[in-house]
Protein backbone atom coordinates (compact mmCIF):
# COMPACT_ATOMS: atom_id res chain seq x y z
CA UNK A 1 20.41 12.80 2.33
CA UNK A 2 22.06 9.85 0.71
CA UNK A 3 20.28 6.49 0.45
CA UNK A 4 22.66 3.57 0.58
CA UNK A 5 21.96 0.36 -1.28
CA UNK A 6 24.16 -1.33 1.32
CA UNK A 7 23.45 0.80 4.37
CA UNK A 8 25.93 0.21 7.14
CA UNK A 9 24.36 -1.33 10.21
CA UNK A 10 25.63 -1.59 13.73
CA UNK A 11 25.96 -5.20 14.81
CA UNK A 12 24.94 -5.52 18.45
CA UNK A 13 26.05 -8.91 19.76
CA UNK A 14 24.11 -9.86 22.89
CA UNK A 15 25.97 -10.09 26.18
CA UNK A 16 26.71 -13.72 26.90
CA UNK A 17 25.02 -15.06 30.01
CA UNK A 18 27.19 -16.88 32.58
CA UNK A 19 27.48 -20.59 31.70
CA UNK A 20 26.33 -21.62 35.18
CA UNK A 21 23.19 -19.52 34.73
CA UNK A 22 22.38 -21.06 31.35
CA UNK A 23 22.66 -24.53 32.90
CA UNK A 24 19.57 -23.73 34.97
CA UNK A 25 17.43 -23.69 31.81
CA UNK A 26 16.61 -27.40 31.96
CA UNK A 27 15.30 -28.91 28.73
CA UNK A 28 16.91 -26.22 26.57
CA UNK A 29 20.29 -26.27 24.88
CA UNK A 30 22.75 -23.58 26.01
CA UNK A 31 22.19 -21.79 22.69
CA UNK A 32 18.38 -21.65 23.05
CA UNK A 33 18.82 -20.66 26.71
CA UNK A 34 21.04 -17.77 25.57
CA UNK A 35 18.42 -16.67 23.03
CA UNK A 36 15.69 -16.69 25.69
CA UNK A 37 18.01 -14.80 28.04
CA UNK A 38 18.47 -12.23 25.28
CA UNK A 39 14.67 -11.88 25.03
CA UNK A 40 14.52 -10.81 28.67
CA UNK A 41 13.67 -14.19 30.18
CA UNK A 42 16.50 -14.23 32.66
CA UNK A 43 14.72 -16.68 34.97
CA UNK A 44 14.31 -20.24 33.69
CA UNK A 45 10.72 -20.56 34.96
CA UNK A 46 9.67 -17.46 33.01
CA UNK A 47 11.40 -18.82 29.92
CA UNK A 48 9.65 -22.17 30.30
CA UNK A 49 6.27 -20.47 30.64
CA UNK A 50 6.97 -18.33 27.58
CA UNK A 51 7.87 -21.34 25.44
CA UNK A 52 5.30 -23.88 26.60
CA UNK A 53 2.49 -21.82 28.12
CA UNK A 54 -0.76 -21.93 26.19
CA UNK A 55 -3.44 -21.06 28.73
CA UNK A 56 -5.71 -18.36 27.32
CA UNK A 57 -7.65 -17.70 30.51
CA UNK A 58 -7.94 -13.94 30.71
CA UNK A 59 -10.68 -11.93 32.38
CA UNK A 60 -11.89 -9.42 29.77
CA UNK A 61 -13.63 -7.45 32.51
CA UNK A 62 -10.16 -6.32 33.64
CA UNK A 63 -10.47 -3.78 30.83
CA UNK A 64 -11.94 -0.48 31.95
CA UNK A 65 -15.53 0.21 30.82
CA UNK A 66 -16.08 -3.39 29.70
CA UNK A 67 -19.08 -3.76 32.02
CA UNK A 68 -20.79 -0.68 30.61
CA UNK A 69 -20.11 -1.79 27.03
CA UNK A 70 -21.49 -5.28 27.59
CA UNK A 71 -24.58 -3.91 29.29
CA UNK A 72 -25.43 -1.48 26.49
CA UNK A 73 -24.80 -4.02 23.72
CA UNK A 74 -26.85 -6.68 25.52
CA UNK A 75 -29.75 -4.21 25.81
CA UNK A 76 -29.49 -3.40 22.09
CA UNK A 77 -29.61 -7.10 21.20
CA UNK A 78 -32.62 -7.66 23.46
CA UNK A 79 -34.47 -4.67 21.95
CA UNK A 80 -33.48 -5.62 18.38
CA UNK A 81 -31.74 -2.29 17.88
CA UNK A 82 -29.41 -2.40 14.87
CA UNK A 83 -25.75 -2.07 15.85
CA UNK A 84 -23.11 -0.54 13.58
CA UNK A 85 -19.56 -1.89 13.83
CA UNK A 86 -17.31 0.95 12.66
CA UNK A 87 -13.85 -0.32 11.72
CA UNK A 88 -10.69 0.65 9.94
CA UNK A 89 -9.49 -0.18 6.44
CA UNK A 90 -6.21 -1.88 7.40
CA UNK A 91 -5.79 -5.60 8.11
CA UNK A 92 -6.13 -5.22 11.86
CA UNK A 93 -9.26 -3.09 11.54
CA UNK A 94 -10.81 -5.41 8.96
CA UNK A 95 -10.16 -8.48 11.12
CA UNK A 96 -11.59 -6.69 14.15
CA UNK A 97 -14.69 -5.66 12.19
CA UNK A 98 -15.28 -9.18 10.88
CA UNK A 99 -14.70 -10.65 14.34
CA UNK A 100 -17.09 -8.27 16.11
CA UNK A 101 -19.77 -8.67 13.45
CA UNK A 102 -19.53 -12.48 13.65
CA UNK A 103 -19.79 -12.52 17.45
CA UNK A 104 -22.70 -10.07 17.54
CA UNK A 105 -24.65 -11.96 14.88
CA UNK A 106 -24.15 -15.22 16.77
CA UNK A 107 -25.68 -13.48 19.79
CA UNK A 108 -28.69 -12.47 17.72
CA UNK A 109 -27.79 -8.87 16.92
CA UNK A 110 -28.75 -6.96 13.78
CA UNK A 111 -25.27 -5.86 12.63
CA UNK A 112 -24.28 -3.30 10.03
CA UNK A 113 -20.53 -3.11 9.32
CA UNK A 114 -19.10 0.26 8.30
CA UNK A 115 -15.56 0.79 7.07
CA UNK A 116 -14.68 4.32 5.83
CA UNK A 117 -13.20 4.85 2.41
CA UNK A 118 -9.51 5.65 2.75
CA UNK A 119 -9.46 8.22 -0.07
CA UNK A 120 -12.79 9.96 0.55
CA UNK A 121 -13.11 9.74 4.33
CA UNK A 122 -9.72 8.97 5.78
CA UNK A 123 -8.92 7.18 9.02
CA UNK A 124 -11.23 7.13 12.01
CA UNK A 125 -14.69 8.39 12.78
CA UNK A 126 -16.09 11.16 10.64
CA UNK A 127 -19.25 13.18 11.13
CA UNK A 128 -20.90 12.56 7.74
CA UNK A 129 -20.59 8.80 8.25
CA UNK A 130 -22.00 8.95 11.77
CA UNK A 131 -24.84 11.20 10.62
CA UNK A 132 -25.60 8.76 7.80
CA UNK A 133 -25.70 5.86 10.26
CA UNK A 134 -28.03 7.82 12.54
CA UNK A 135 -30.43 8.58 9.68
CA UNK A 136 -30.51 4.87 8.81
CA UNK A 137 -31.85 4.06 12.27
CA UNK A 138 -28.62 3.20 14.08
CA UNK A 139 -28.64 4.10 17.77
CA UNK A 140 -25.48 2.29 18.83
CA UNK A 141 -22.03 2.28 17.20
CA UNK A 142 -19.21 0.00 18.35
CA UNK A 143 -15.83 1.11 16.99
CA UNK A 144 -12.98 -1.34 16.47
CA UNK A 145 -9.35 -0.28 15.96
CA UNK A 146 -10.33 3.41 15.90
CA UNK A 147 -12.08 6.19 17.78
CA UNK A 148 -9.71 7.02 20.62
CA UNK A 149 -8.79 10.40 19.09
CA UNK A 150 -12.28 11.26 17.71
CA UNK A 151 -13.23 13.66 20.50
CA UNK A 152 -15.33 16.15 18.54
CA UNK A 153 -17.02 13.57 16.34
CA UNK A 154 -18.16 11.51 19.33
CA UNK A 155 -19.29 14.59 21.25
CA UNK A 156 -21.42 15.74 18.31
CA UNK A 157 -22.91 12.27 17.87
CA UNK A 158 -23.76 12.08 21.54
CA UNK A 159 -25.68 15.34 21.32
CA UNK A 160 -27.60 13.84 18.39
CA UNK A 161 -28.60 10.82 20.48
CA UNK A 162 -26.12 8.27 19.10
CA UNK A 163 -24.43 6.01 21.66
CA UNK A 164 -20.85 5.10 20.84
CA UNK A 165 -18.67 2.43 22.41
CA UNK A 166 -15.01 2.84 21.53
CA UNK A 167 -12.68 -0.15 21.34
CA UNK A 168 -9.19 0.82 20.24
CA UNK A 169 -5.53 0.18 20.98
CA UNK A 170 -3.88 3.32 19.58
CA UNK A 171 -2.15 5.88 21.77
CA UNK A 172 -4.42 8.04 23.88
CA UNK A 173 -4.40 11.81 23.57
CA UNK A 174 -4.77 14.42 26.32
CA UNK A 175 -8.41 13.42 26.90
CA UNK A 176 -10.66 10.44 26.39
CA UNK A 177 -13.53 10.74 23.93
CA UNK A 178 -16.94 11.34 25.58
CA UNK A 179 -18.25 7.91 24.60
CA UNK A 180 -20.57 5.65 26.54
CA UNK A 181 -17.59 3.33 27.07
CA UNK A 182 -13.92 3.55 26.08
CA UNK A 183 -12.14 0.20 26.00
CA UNK A 184 -8.46 0.73 25.35
CA UNK A 185 -5.80 -1.31 27.17
CA UNK A 186 -3.46 1.69 27.05
CA UNK A 187 -5.63 3.60 29.52
CA UNK A 188 -3.66 4.37 32.67
CA UNK A 189 -6.59 3.23 34.80
CA UNK A 190 -6.80 -0.12 32.99
CA UNK A 191 -5.46 -3.43 34.24
CA UNK A 192 -4.18 -6.24 32.05
CA UNK A 193 -2.06 -6.45 28.90
CA UNK A 194 -1.59 -2.98 27.37
CA UNK A 195 -0.12 -3.98 24.01
CA UNK A 196 -2.96 -5.78 22.23
CA UNK A 197 -3.92 -5.16 18.61
CA UNK A 198 -7.32 -3.80 17.63
CA UNK A 199 -8.46 -7.34 16.82
CA UNK A 200 -7.29 -8.46 20.26
CA UNK A 201 -9.35 -5.76 21.99
CA UNK A 202 -12.38 -6.69 19.86
CA UNK A 203 -11.88 -10.32 20.88
CA UNK A 204 -11.96 -9.32 24.55
CA UNK A 205 -15.30 -7.57 24.05
CA UNK A 206 -16.67 -10.60 22.17
CA UNK A 207 -15.47 -12.87 24.96
CA UNK A 208 -17.09 -10.67 27.61
CA UNK A 209 -20.40 -10.67 25.72
CA UNK A 210 -20.37 -14.46 25.45
CA UNK A 211 -19.50 -14.87 29.11
CA UNK A 212 -22.36 -12.61 30.15
CA UNK A 213 -24.80 -14.47 27.88
CA UNK A 214 -23.69 -17.77 29.40
CA UNK A 215 -24.28 -16.42 32.90
CA UNK A 216 -27.62 -14.75 32.14
CA UNK A 217 -29.32 -16.91 29.51
CA UNK A 218 -27.72 -20.29 28.86
CA UNK A 219 -30.74 -21.46 26.86
CA UNK A 220 -29.90 -18.86 24.20
CA UNK A 221 -26.14 -19.22 24.29
CA UNK A 222 -24.79 -19.52 20.71
CA UNK A 223 -23.33 -23.00 20.91
CA UNK A 224 -22.40 -22.82 17.20
CA UNK A 225 -19.73 -20.18 17.94
CA UNK A 226 -16.56 -21.30 19.68
CA UNK A 227 -14.19 -18.62 20.89
CA UNK A 228 -11.41 -20.44 19.07
CA UNK A 229 -13.31 -19.80 15.81
CA UNK A 230 -12.43 -16.10 16.22
CA UNK A 231 -8.75 -16.55 16.98
CA UNK A 232 -7.69 -16.80 13.32
CA UNK A 233 -8.82 -13.18 12.90
CA UNK A 234 -7.00 -12.18 16.09
CA UNK A 235 -3.76 -13.76 14.87
CA UNK A 236 -4.05 -12.18 11.44
CA UNK A 237 -4.76 -8.70 12.84
CA UNK A 238 -2.14 -8.94 15.58
CA UNK A 239 0.77 -9.97 13.36
CA UNK A 240 -0.24 -7.68 10.46
CA UNK A 241 -0.35 -4.69 12.84
CA UNK A 242 3.16 -5.49 14.17
CA UNK A 243 2.28 -5.49 17.86
CA UNK A 244 4.74 -7.10 20.32
CA UNK A 245 4.89 -10.89 20.38
CA UNK A 246 6.97 -11.00 23.53
CA UNK A 247 3.76 -10.02 25.35
CA UNK A 248 2.42 -13.18 26.98
CA UNK A 249 -1.20 -12.65 25.92
CA UNK A 250 -0.42 -11.65 22.32
CA UNK A 251 1.88 -14.64 21.88
CA UNK A 252 -0.77 -17.06 23.07
CA UNK A 253 -3.53 -15.46 21.02
CA UNK A 254 -1.38 -15.76 17.89
CA UNK A 255 -0.27 -19.29 18.75
CA UNK A 256 -3.87 -20.49 19.08
CA UNK A 257 -4.94 -18.36 16.11
CA UNK A 258 -2.37 -19.99 13.84
CA UNK A 259 -3.78 -23.36 14.83
CA UNK A 260 -7.24 -22.17 13.75
CA UNK A 261 -5.82 -20.81 10.47
CA UNK A 262 -4.07 -24.09 9.74
CA UNK A 263 -7.26 -26.02 10.39
CA UNK A 264 -8.83 -23.96 7.55
CA UNK A 265 -11.99 -23.24 9.52
CA UNK A 266 -12.61 -19.88 7.83
CA UNK A 267 -13.17 -20.13 4.07
CA UNK A 268 -11.90 -16.60 3.41
CA UNK A 269 -8.54 -17.20 5.06
CA UNK A 270 -8.25 -20.59 3.37
CA UNK A 271 -8.78 -18.82 0.03
CA UNK A 272 -6.17 -16.13 0.64
CA UNK A 273 -3.71 -18.81 1.84
CA UNK A 274 -4.25 -20.61 -1.48
CA UNK A 275 -3.74 -17.58 -3.76
CA UNK A 276 -0.68 -16.52 -1.75
CA UNK A 277 0.94 -19.84 -2.62
CA UNK A 278 1.27 -21.00 0.99
CA UNK A 279 1.11 -24.59 2.06
CA UNK A 280 -2.23 -25.35 3.76
CA UNK A 281 -1.57 -26.41 7.33
CA UNK A 282 1.90 -24.83 7.33
CA UNK A 283 1.09 -21.13 7.80
CA UNK A 284 3.37 -19.34 10.27
CA UNK A 285 3.45 -15.88 11.79
CA UNK A 286 6.02 -14.76 9.22
CA UNK A 287 3.59 -15.75 6.46
CA UNK A 288 0.94 -13.49 7.95
CA UNK A 289 3.37 -10.57 8.05
CA UNK A 290 4.74 -10.95 4.54
CA UNK A 291 2.08 -12.79 2.55
CA UNK A 292 -1.43 -12.64 4.04
CA UNK A 293 -1.42 -9.24 5.74
CA UNK A 294 -0.30 -7.30 2.63
CA UNK A 295 -3.04 -8.91 0.54
CA UNK A 296 -5.74 -8.04 3.08
CA UNK A 297 -4.36 -4.51 3.31
CA UNK A 298 -4.36 -4.13 -0.49
CA UNK A 299 -8.16 -3.90 -0.51
CA UNK A 300 -8.25 -0.67 1.48
CA UNK A 301 -5.16 0.74 -0.20
CA UNK A 302 -6.25 0.55 -3.83
CA UNK A 303 -9.84 -0.69 -3.88
CA UNK A 304 -12.69 -1.08 -1.42
CA UNK A 305 -11.85 -2.41 2.03
CA UNK A 306 -15.23 -4.14 1.96
CA UNK A 307 -13.77 -6.64 -0.53
CA UNK A 308 -11.50 -7.94 2.23
CA UNK A 309 -14.35 -7.79 4.77
CA UNK A 310 -16.56 -9.92 2.53
CA UNK A 311 -13.65 -12.31 2.02
CA UNK A 312 -13.16 -12.73 5.77
CA UNK A 313 -16.88 -13.31 6.33
CA UNK A 314 -17.54 -15.56 3.31
CA UNK A 315 -19.41 -18.74 4.20
CA UNK A 316 -17.83 -20.97 1.56
CA UNK A 317 -14.60 -21.38 -0.35
CA UNK A 318 -16.51 -20.89 -3.60
CA UNK A 319 -17.75 -17.49 -2.43
CA UNK A 320 -14.34 -16.52 -1.07
CA UNK A 321 -12.07 -17.42 -4.00
CA UNK A 322 -13.10 -14.60 -6.41
CA UNK A 323 -12.41 -12.03 -3.71
CA UNK A 324 -9.08 -13.65 -2.86
CA UNK A 325 -8.10 -13.52 -6.53
CA UNK A 326 -9.12 -9.83 -6.62
CA UNK A 327 -6.92 -9.11 -3.60
CA UNK A 328 -4.04 -10.94 -5.26
CA UNK A 329 -4.32 -8.62 -8.27
CA UNK A 330 -4.63 -5.55 -6.06
CA UNK A 331 -1.52 -6.57 -4.15
CA UNK A 332 0.52 -6.78 -7.36
CA UNK A 333 -0.81 -3.37 -8.36
CA UNK A 334 0.09 -2.05 -4.91
CA UNK A 335 3.69 -3.21 -5.35
CA UNK A 336 3.97 -1.46 -8.72
CA UNK A 337 2.35 1.77 -7.47
CA UNK A 338 4.60 1.83 -4.42
CA UNK A 339 7.76 1.58 -6.53
CA UNK A 340 6.57 4.39 -8.81
CA UNK A 341 5.58 6.64 -5.91
CA UNK A 342 8.84 6.01 -4.07
CA UNK A 343 10.81 7.00 -7.17
CA UNK A 344 8.77 10.21 -7.53
CA UNK A 345 9.18 11.16 -3.87
CA UNK A 346 12.89 10.29 -3.88
CA UNK A 347 13.45 12.92 -6.58
CA UNK A 348 12.36 15.57 -4.05
CA UNK A 349 15.09 14.55 -1.61
CA UNK A 350 18.38 16.29 -2.34
CA UNK A 351 21.25 13.77 -2.31
CA UNK A 352 23.38 15.98 -0.06
CA UNK A 353 20.57 17.09 2.23
CA UNK A 354 21.32 16.50 5.90
CA UNK A 355 17.84 16.97 7.33
CA UNK A 356 16.84 14.90 10.38
CA UNK A 357 13.40 14.38 8.81
CA UNK A 358 12.08 13.41 5.37
CA UNK A 359 9.07 15.59 4.58
CA UNK A 360 7.63 15.37 1.07
CA UNK A 361 4.39 15.05 -0.86
CA UNK A 362 2.82 14.61 -4.27
CA UNK A 363 -0.60 15.37 -5.77
CA UNK A 364 -0.59 12.09 -7.70
CA UNK A 365 0.35 9.69 -4.94
CA UNK A 366 -2.53 7.46 -3.85
CA UNK A 367 -3.67 7.67 -0.25
CA UNK A 368 -3.23 3.93 0.19
CA UNK A 369 0.43 4.09 -0.77
CA UNK A 370 1.78 6.97 1.34
CA UNK A 371 2.44 4.82 4.41
CA UNK A 372 4.32 2.23 2.39
CA UNK A 373 6.46 4.90 0.75
CA UNK A 374 7.16 6.48 4.13
CA UNK A 375 8.22 3.10 5.48
CA UNK A 376 10.56 2.39 2.58
CA UNK A 377 12.19 5.82 2.84
CA UNK A 378 12.65 5.45 6.58
CA UNK A 379 14.31 2.09 5.98
CA UNK A 380 16.51 3.45 3.17
CA UNK A 381 17.70 6.59 5.00
CA UNK A 382 17.14 5.68 8.66
CA UNK A 383 15.29 8.93 9.26
CA UNK A 384 11.66 9.67 10.23
CA UNK A 385 9.55 10.18 7.10
CA UNK A 386 6.35 12.18 6.59
CA UNK A 387 4.78 11.59 3.18
CA UNK A 388 1.75 13.53 1.89
CA UNK A 389 -1.07 12.92 -0.47
CA UNK A 390 -1.56 16.60 -1.34
CA UNK A 391 -5.19 17.68 -1.75
CA UNK A 392 -6.77 20.94 -2.89
CA UNK A 393 -7.29 22.46 0.57
CA UNK A 394 -6.30 19.66 2.94
CA UNK A 395 -3.64 16.97 2.78
CA UNK A 396 -3.31 13.61 4.46
CA UNK A 397 0.00 12.15 5.52
CA UNK A 398 1.42 8.93 6.82
CA UNK A 399 4.48 8.91 9.03
CA UNK A 400 7.04 6.25 9.83
CA UNK A 401 9.78 6.73 12.38
CA UNK A 402 12.80 5.20 14.07
CA UNK A 403 13.11 4.17 17.75
CA UNK A 404 15.00 7.37 18.56
CA UNK A 405 12.02 9.62 17.67
CA UNK A 406 8.40 9.16 18.84
CA UNK A 407 6.43 10.54 15.91
CA UNK A 408 3.00 10.48 17.58
CA UNK A 409 4.30 12.43 20.57
CA UNK A 410 5.73 15.01 18.17
CA UNK A 411 2.36 15.28 16.42
CA UNK A 412 0.64 15.69 19.80
CA UNK A 413 2.87 18.70 20.39
CA UNK A 414 1.81 20.12 17.00
CA UNK A 415 -1.89 19.43 17.50
CA UNK A 416 -2.84 23.09 16.97
CA UNK A 417 -1.66 22.79 13.36
CA UNK A 418 -3.56 19.56 12.63
CA UNK A 419 -7.17 18.67 11.92
CA UNK A 420 -6.76 15.14 13.24
CA UNK A 421 -3.96 12.74 14.04
CA UNK A 422 -3.11 9.53 15.85
CA UNK A 423 -0.96 6.44 15.83
CA UNK A 424 1.94 4.79 17.63
CA UNK A 425 5.52 5.73 18.44
CA UNK A 426 6.80 4.46 15.08
CA UNK A 427 3.78 4.97 12.81
CA UNK A 428 1.15 7.68 12.62
CA UNK A 429 -1.12 9.61 10.31
CA UNK A 430 -2.72 13.03 10.21
CA UNK A 431 -4.79 15.48 8.20
CA UNK A 432 -3.69 19.12 7.86
CA UNK A 433 -4.83 22.30 6.14
CA UNK A 434 -2.44 23.05 3.30
CA UNK A 435 -1.93 26.54 4.72
CA UNK A 436 -0.27 24.92 7.78
CA UNK A 437 2.07 22.54 5.96
CA UNK A 438 5.12 24.84 5.95
CA UNK A 439 4.76 25.59 9.67
CA UNK A 440 4.29 21.92 10.39
CA UNK A 441 7.40 21.02 8.42
CA UNK A 442 9.44 23.55 10.40
CA UNK A 443 8.08 22.34 13.75
CA UNK A 444 8.55 18.63 13.09
CA UNK A 445 12.03 19.21 11.66
CA UNK A 446 12.97 21.23 14.73
CA UNK A 447 11.66 18.55 17.08
CA UNK A 448 13.42 15.78 15.16
CA UNK A 449 16.69 17.72 15.19
CA UNK A 450 16.46 18.27 18.95
CA UNK A 451 15.58 14.64 19.64
CA UNK A 452 18.22 13.13 17.33
CA UNK A 453 21.06 15.57 18.02
CA UNK A 454 24.30 13.86 18.95
CA UNK A 455 22.96 10.38 18.24
CA UNK A 456 24.64 7.94 15.89
CA UNK A 457 21.81 7.29 13.45
CA UNK A 458 22.41 3.80 12.21
CA UNK A 459 20.05 0.81 12.25
CA UNK A 460 21.01 -1.77 14.84
CA UNK A 461 21.10 -5.44 14.04
CA UNK A 462 20.55 -7.42 17.22
CA UNK A 463 22.57 -10.65 17.16
CA UNK A 464 21.80 -13.46 19.59
CA UNK A 465 25.06 -15.38 19.41
CA UNK A 466 28.27 -15.91 17.49
CA UNK A 467 28.53 -19.50 16.27
CA UNK A 468 30.47 -21.77 13.92
CA UNK A 469 28.85 -23.19 10.82
CA UNK A 470 29.25 -26.77 12.05
CA UNK A 471 26.92 -25.91 14.95
CA UNK A 472 24.05 -25.58 12.47
CA UNK A 473 21.90 -28.69 12.24
CA UNK A 474 18.38 -29.96 11.75
CA UNK A 475 18.19 -30.43 15.51
CA UNK A 476 19.06 -26.79 16.10
CA UNK A 477 16.40 -25.69 13.62
CA UNK A 478 13.80 -27.84 15.37
CA UNK A 479 14.75 -26.29 18.68
CA UNK A 480 14.51 -22.78 17.26
CA UNK A 481 10.95 -23.63 16.22
CA UNK A 482 10.09 -23.41 19.90
CA UNK A 483 10.40 -19.61 19.64
CA UNK A 484 7.43 -19.50 17.27
CA UNK A 485 5.33 -17.48 16.75
CA UNK A 486 8.05 -14.95 16.08
CA UNK A 487 7.63 -11.32 15.16
CA UNK A 488 7.82 -7.89 16.73
CA UNK A 489 10.03 -7.98 19.87
CA UNK A 490 10.31 -11.76 19.58
CA UNK A 491 12.28 -12.02 16.38
CA UNK A 492 13.56 -15.34 15.11
CA UNK A 493 17.12 -16.05 16.20
CA UNK A 494 19.91 -14.09 14.52
CA UNK A 495 23.47 -15.41 14.45
CA UNK A 496 26.84 -14.26 13.20
CA UNK A 497 29.92 -16.12 11.97
CA UNK A 498 33.30 -14.57 11.28
CA UNK A 499 35.88 -15.00 8.56
CA UNK A 500 33.82 -17.09 6.16
CA UNK A 501 35.51 -17.88 2.88
CA UNK A 502 33.36 -17.07 -0.16
CA UNK A 503 33.71 -19.87 -2.70
CA UNK A 504 30.80 -18.90 -4.95
CA UNK A 505 29.04 -15.58 -5.51
CA UNK A 506 26.37 -14.45 -7.99
CA UNK A 507 23.39 -12.17 -8.40
CA UNK A 508 19.96 -13.82 -8.55
CA UNK A 509 16.39 -12.68 -9.07
CA UNK A 510 14.76 -11.12 -12.10
CA UNK A 511 16.43 -7.75 -11.50
CA UNK A 512 19.60 -9.08 -9.90
CA UNK A 513 18.72 -7.52 -6.55
CA UNK A 514 19.52 -10.63 -4.55
CA UNK A 515 22.74 -12.42 -3.68
CA UNK A 516 23.55 -16.12 -3.71
CA UNK A 517 26.69 -17.39 -1.97
CA UNK A 518 28.42 -20.53 -0.88
CA UNK A 519 30.59 -19.99 2.18
CA UNK A 520 32.91 -22.10 4.33
CA UNK A 521 34.35 -21.54 7.78
CA UNK A 522 37.85 -22.23 9.02
CA UNK A 523 36.85 -25.75 10.10
CA UNK A 524 35.80 -26.59 6.55
CA UNK A 525 32.01 -26.59 7.08
CA UNK A 526 30.20 -25.28 3.98
CA UNK A 527 26.70 -23.94 3.44
CA UNK A 528 24.64 -22.02 0.87
CA UNK A 529 23.42 -18.51 1.67
CA UNK A 530 20.83 -16.16 0.17
CA UNK A 531 20.79 -12.41 0.74
CA UNK A 532 17.61 -10.62 -0.35
CA UNK A 533 18.33 -7.08 -1.49
CA UNK A 534 22.10 -7.59 -1.13
CA UNK A 535 22.86 -8.06 -4.83
CA UNK A 536 25.13 -4.99 -5.01
CA UNK A 537 27.73 -6.86 -2.96
CA UNK A 538 28.37 -9.16 -5.93
CA UNK A 539 30.50 -6.54 -7.69
CA UNK A 540 32.75 -5.96 -4.67
CA UNK A 541 32.67 -9.21 -2.73
CA UNK A 542 35.63 -9.66 -0.36
CA UNK A 543 37.43 -13.01 -0.28
CA UNK A 544 36.37 -13.45 3.34
CA UNK A 545 33.35 -12.01 5.11
CA UNK A 546 31.65 -11.80 8.47
CA UNK A 547 27.98 -12.71 8.09
CA UNK A 548 24.87 -11.96 10.13
CA UNK A 549 22.05 -14.32 9.29
CA UNK A 550 19.10 -16.47 10.18
CA UNK A 551 19.14 -20.19 9.57
CA UNK A 552 16.29 -21.79 7.63
CA UNK A 553 15.35 -24.87 5.65
CA UNK A 554 15.41 -24.46 1.89
CA UNK A 555 13.07 -26.82 0.06
CA UNK A 556 13.56 -27.15 -3.70
CA UNK A 557 12.36 -29.92 -6.00
CA UNK A 558 11.94 -32.37 -3.17
CA UNK A 559 15.34 -31.64 -1.62
CA UNK A 560 15.63 -30.07 1.84
CA UNK A 561 18.84 -28.50 3.12
CA UNK A 562 19.83 -25.85 5.60
CA UNK A 563 20.80 -22.42 4.28
CA UNK A 564 21.68 -19.03 5.68
CA UNK A 565 19.32 -16.12 5.06
CA UNK A 566 21.80 -13.25 5.11
CA UNK A 567 20.80 -10.06 6.86
CA UNK A 568 24.10 -8.23 6.49
CA UNK A 569 27.71 -8.89 5.56
CA UNK A 570 30.97 -7.04 6.01
CA UNK A 571 34.60 -7.65 5.05
CA UNK A 572 36.28 -9.97 7.53
CA UNK A 573 38.95 -8.43 9.76
CA UNK A 574 41.27 -11.41 9.17
């Protein structure tokens, strides 16, 4: 299996819509109309609603079991029963935990957050933790971003008298857990948006609780808590968990949540914005994905996830800043550890191996790093990757996949070999007895081979339109801003230009990994370009290239100018 520093990608140029159809998109340029058409908005009214719609009215009681959950939680608050919020150690789970705890406290609840330790406990509900909560006097547990696959754990807890309400968004197995209520928008018997993040589902429960309080007891409604105060956590969790932003509800939650973030209402997020070097008031969805999310995740990967929880729930900037600084240091450590672990795992992969699946492990790899290593190997080789943290008797693994192979479905079909598992089509995790690892490798490799047989395994680069460099302008960039928030399934616009003459070429960055160019088209228009991770092209740069890129504003020492952010290049045909 040969990793390529310049992996060939298939450029998929979108089918051009008929000009007369694009003219129906009033208020949009033909280019933006084409981009919206590419996103599936083939009717102008739907496109207009996608771009300008901001209404967040959504009935949370559309979600199955919401009524039962609200009733039980309301009873617990009235009886002063302590409520445990059991979350997950990733950014989505941490945001959901902080959100649910904040809403419950505002309603007068006695709340105890619980986030399992990644290394000692692993993902999801575990019996020792639930037993510990029961002994401490907890009678009600509300899960956020976990629990949908914890069948045995919830059954055992129920027999011990512990009520559990599950809120989750992960894929559902063959049966639902025997909980008092199971709120998961992926349930087949559930109406509404099915693609929310864990923080989004938690927000729906919080909204339902507040609505019911307003209807039943307005005198004790928590006027100090606005629903919009919770949307910063929803936006952070939604973007960090890479859920679809072409979904109407997700897009609007993130849009409103970014407004809350940029108003700096939450001290913890204001602190992490500061240490990440972002401009206050200018945070975008991309910044969550690449700057804020990784720092929140670093807590659970290399330290205690509770550090990030306490950051998100800090009541002042002074209290938040030390934790933000700690997360900054953990994130740098995470980057170093990931590079070391990837190098160690890569040595196990034979350069000429032609396996449809990467399957490797190490005793020294940290549990918080395995998913990152799996993701990098999947990106480098365009193959599904299963990476283990090998333990004495049991091992935990993280999996990353490609669109052609649903990794969670494959794990479902191997459930008899696993102790626990769960996830999404492209990302999953599991725990396995070491005695079953060889059988599991054989089964997953066989399934991957069958699924991928005959397919051309090459990453696809979706391109919205072919344009000339002189079509790029400040006005175009302002219009492209209308697509924000961009992210999963609503990517920022990608363009291509052919036969660009390279007038300047050099490596940049501390390790020379990046590429800096100046290019000109046949009409004489010139522009600077930056290609992150494309530095190897510098030693074999053709005189003319085709370029796939995004257009952005480069700000440096008070000067602002357009530049291309290169995604891929190839020698020009002419």
